[in-house]
Amino acid sequence: MNGVSNSKRQKVNLNLSDQTKSFQERIDEVRSLVEENLRYTKVLRQEKIEGSAELKSQQELQKLLQENLKVSQELYEMTKKIKHWVAWQRVWGVFKILIILVPLAIGIIYGPALIREAFAPYGELLNIGSGPANQNLLQQIQSLTNAEKNGNESR
């Protein structure tokens, strides 16, 4: 028989929450199982095309089909769990982004008004933001700069 024997076949670990292997290692394991399943299928097809004379008996063909079915079922279970895991990772990824963006959006919308309300009493005490006081200050600065210019020109 050209296929991989049972002793060489890998044991499938269906525990996707196992943290000893990385996600990439688990994907590689699934990929190797798919390749093994493909080899089984090719062997069966090749032997069927070459003729059933090469097979010792119908029992060997039945045994190969059973092994192929078993590997296919294992692959199906692993694929289902991986799809489920990937879907939940996407959901949690969106959730993490929302945890960051929602408070930022709320801060941008309501923040300026809250800051103005919080500093309003202090602004009145320090005369910050009141129109006439600022205009007087500006006029005083302009008169000082004009006086300096006039003093420099008369010399």
Protein backbone atom coordinates (compact mmCIF):
# COMPACT_ATOMS: atom_id res chain seq x y z
CA MET A 1 0.00 0.00 0.00
CA ASN A 2 1.34 3.44 -1.01
CA GLY A 3 -0.58 5.45 1.62
CA VAL A 4 0.52 6.47 5.08
CA SER A 5 0.10 3.72 7.64
CA ASN A 6 -1.81 4.16 10.89
CA SER A 7 1.40 4.12 12.92
CA LYS A 8 2.72 7.13 11.00
CA ARG A 9 -0.54 9.05 11.05
CA GLN A 10 -0.69 12.00 13.43
CA LYS A 11 -3.09 12.11 16.34
CA VAL A 12 -5.49 15.00 15.88
CA ASN A 13 -5.76 17.40 18.79
CA LEU A 14 -9.28 18.85 18.74
CA ASN A 15 -8.66 21.09 21.74
CA LEU A 16 -8.40 24.54 20.15
CA SER A 17 -8.15 26.30 23.50
CA ASP A 18 -4.81 24.56 24.10
CA GLN A 19 -2.36 27.40 24.70
CA THR A 20 0.78 25.28 24.24
CA LYS A 21 0.60 25.72 20.47
CA SER A 22 0.21 28.97 18.60
CA PHE A 23 -2.63 29.54 16.19
CA GLN A 24 -0.21 29.17 13.27
CA GLU A 25 0.98 25.79 14.56
CA ARG A 26 -2.61 24.58 14.82
CA ILE A 27 -3.31 25.78 11.26
CA ASP A 28 -0.19 23.93 10.08
CA GLU A 29 -1.45 20.79 11.80
CA VAL A 30 -4.77 21.07 10.00
CA ARG A 31 -2.95 21.71 6.74
CA SER A 32 -0.86 18.54 7.21
CA LEU A 33 -4.02 16.54 7.91
CA VAL A 34 -5.61 17.88 4.74
CA GLU A 35 -2.50 16.84 2.80
CA GLU A 36 -2.66 13.38 4.38
CA ASN A 37 -6.32 13.09 3.44
CA LEU A 38 -5.46 14.12 -0.10
CA ARG A 39 -2.75 11.46 -0.27
CA TYR A 40 -5.26 8.82 0.85
CA THR A 41 -7.68 9.93 -1.81
CA LYS A 42 -5.00 9.92 -4.52
CA VAL A 43 -3.85 6.43 -3.51
CA LEU A 44 -7.40 5.14 -3.67
CA ARG A 45 -8.02 6.72 -7.06
CA GLN A 46 -4.70 5.58 -8.46
CA GLU A 47 -5.24 2.02 -7.31
CA LYS A 48 -8.77 2.06 -8.68
CA ILE A 49 -7.56 3.35 -12.07
CA GLU A 50 -4.70 0.86 -12.25
CA GLY A 51 -7.19 -1.86 -11.57
CA SER A 52 -8.48 -3.64 -8.60
CA ALA A 53 -6.10 -6.48 -9.34
CA GLU A 54 -3.39 -4.67 -7.33
CA LEU A 55 -5.54 -4.62 -4.22
CA LYS A 56 -5.33 -7.84 -2.31
CA SER A 57 -8.97 -7.85 -1.45
CA GLN A 58 -12.11 -5.83 -1.09
CA GLN A 59 -11.38 -5.62 2.65
CA GLU A 60 -8.25 -3.52 2.08
CA LEU A 61 -10.26 -1.05 0.00
CA GLN A 62 -12.91 -0.92 2.70
CA LYS A 63 -10.20 -0.32 5.32
CA LEU A 64 -8.72 2.54 3.29
CA LEU A 65 -12.14 4.10 2.83
CA GLN A 66 -12.81 3.86 6.57
CA GLU A 67 -9.48 5.56 7.36
CA ASN A 68 -10.24 8.25 4.81
CA LEU A 69 -13.67 8.81 6.34
CA LYS A 70 -12.17 9.02 9.84
CA VAL A 71 -9.57 11.59 8.76
CA SER A 72 -12.23 13.58 6.92
CA GLN A 73 -14.42 13.67 10.03
CA GLU A 74 -11.50 14.83 12.16
CA LEU A 75 -10.75 17.58 9.65
CA TYR A 76 -14.37 18.64 9.60
CA GLU A 77 -14.48 18.92 13.39
CA MET A 78 -11.25 20.92 13.51
CA THR A 79 -12.41 23.22 10.71
CA LYS A 80 -15.69 23.85 12.50
CA LYS A 81 -13.90 24.76 15.73
CA ILE A 82 -11.41 27.00 13.95
CA LYS A 83 -14.21 28.87 12.15
CA HIS A 84 -16.01 29.35 15.45
CA TRP A 85 -12.83 30.59 17.12
CA VAL A 86 -12.08 33.03 14.27
CA ALA A 87 -15.63 34.38 14.38
CA TRP A 88 -15.34 35.09 18.12
CA GLN A 89 -11.94 36.71 17.60
CA ARG A 90 -13.55 39.10 15.11
CA VAL A 91 -16.35 39.92 17.55
CA TRP A 92 -13.87 40.61 20.37
CA GLY A 93 -11.71 42.68 18.01
CA VAL A 94 -14.66 44.94 17.17
CA PHE A 95 -15.55 45.12 20.86
CA LYS A 96 -12.01 46.22 21.76
CA ILE A 97 -12.10 48.94 19.11
CA LEU A 98 -15.47 50.16 20.39
CA ILE A 99 -14.12 50.30 23.95
CA ILE A 100 -11.53 52.79 22.69
CA LEU A 101 -13.57 54.79 20.16
CA VAL A 102 -16.85 55.29 22.08
CA PRO A 103 -15.28 57.17 25.02
CA LEU A 104 -13.24 59.27 22.59
CA ALA A 105 -16.34 60.21 20.59
CA ILE A 106 -18.26 61.06 23.77
CA GLY A 107 -15.33 63.16 24.96
CA ILE A 108 -15.15 65.05 21.67
CA ILE A 109 -18.90 65.72 21.68
CA TYR A 110 -19.46 66.64 25.35
CA GLY A 111 -15.95 67.60 26.47
CA PRO A 112 -15.76 71.26 25.37
CA ALA A 113 -19.07 72.15 27.02
CA LEU A 114 -18.10 70.44 30.28
CA ILE A 115 -14.71 72.16 30.32
CA ARG A 116 -16.33 75.57 29.72
CA GLU A 117 -18.77 74.97 32.58
CA ALA A 118 -15.98 73.81 34.89
CA PHE A 119 -13.75 76.85 34.23
CA ALA A 120 -16.52 79.49 34.05
CA PRO A 121 -16.31 80.47 37.76
CA TYR A 122 -12.52 80.81 37.57
CA GLY A 123 -12.73 82.89 34.43
CA GLU A 124 -14.97 85.40 36.15
CA LEU A 125 -12.55 85.65 39.09
CA LEU A 126 -9.55 86.22 36.84
CA ASN A 127 -11.41 88.38 34.26
CA ILE A 128 -10.46 85.95 31.53
CA GLY A 129 -12.70 85.98 28.52
CA SER A 130 -14.61 89.18 29.41
CA GLY A 131 -14.77 91.60 26.51
CA PRO A 132 -14.05 95.09 27.99
CA ALA A 133 -11.15 93.98 30.21
CA ASN A 134 -9.40 92.35 27.29
CA GLN A 135 -9.95 95.43 25.13
CA ASN A 136 -8.47 97.68 27.82
CA LEU A 137 -5.45 95.42 28.07
CA LEU A 138 -5.01 95.49 24.29
CA GLN A 139 -5.33 99.29 24.24
CA GLN A 140 -2.74 99.63 26.99
CA ILE A 141 -0.28 97.40 25.10
CA GLN A 142 -0.83 99.36 21.88
CA SER A 143 -0.36 102.71 23.61
CA LEU A 144 2.88 101.48 25.19
CA THR A 145 4.26 100.28 21.87
CA ASN A 146 3.22 103.55 20.19
CA ALA A 147 4.89 105.56 22.96
CA GLU A 148 8.09 103.57 22.50
CA LYS A 149 8.00 104.15 18.76
CA ASN A 150 7.42 107.89 19.21
CA GLY A 151 10.23 108.07 21.77
CA ASN A 152 12.62 106.29 19.42
CA GLU A 153 11.69 108.54 16.48
CA SER A 154 12.27 111.79 18.41
CA ARG A 155 15.84 110.85 19.24
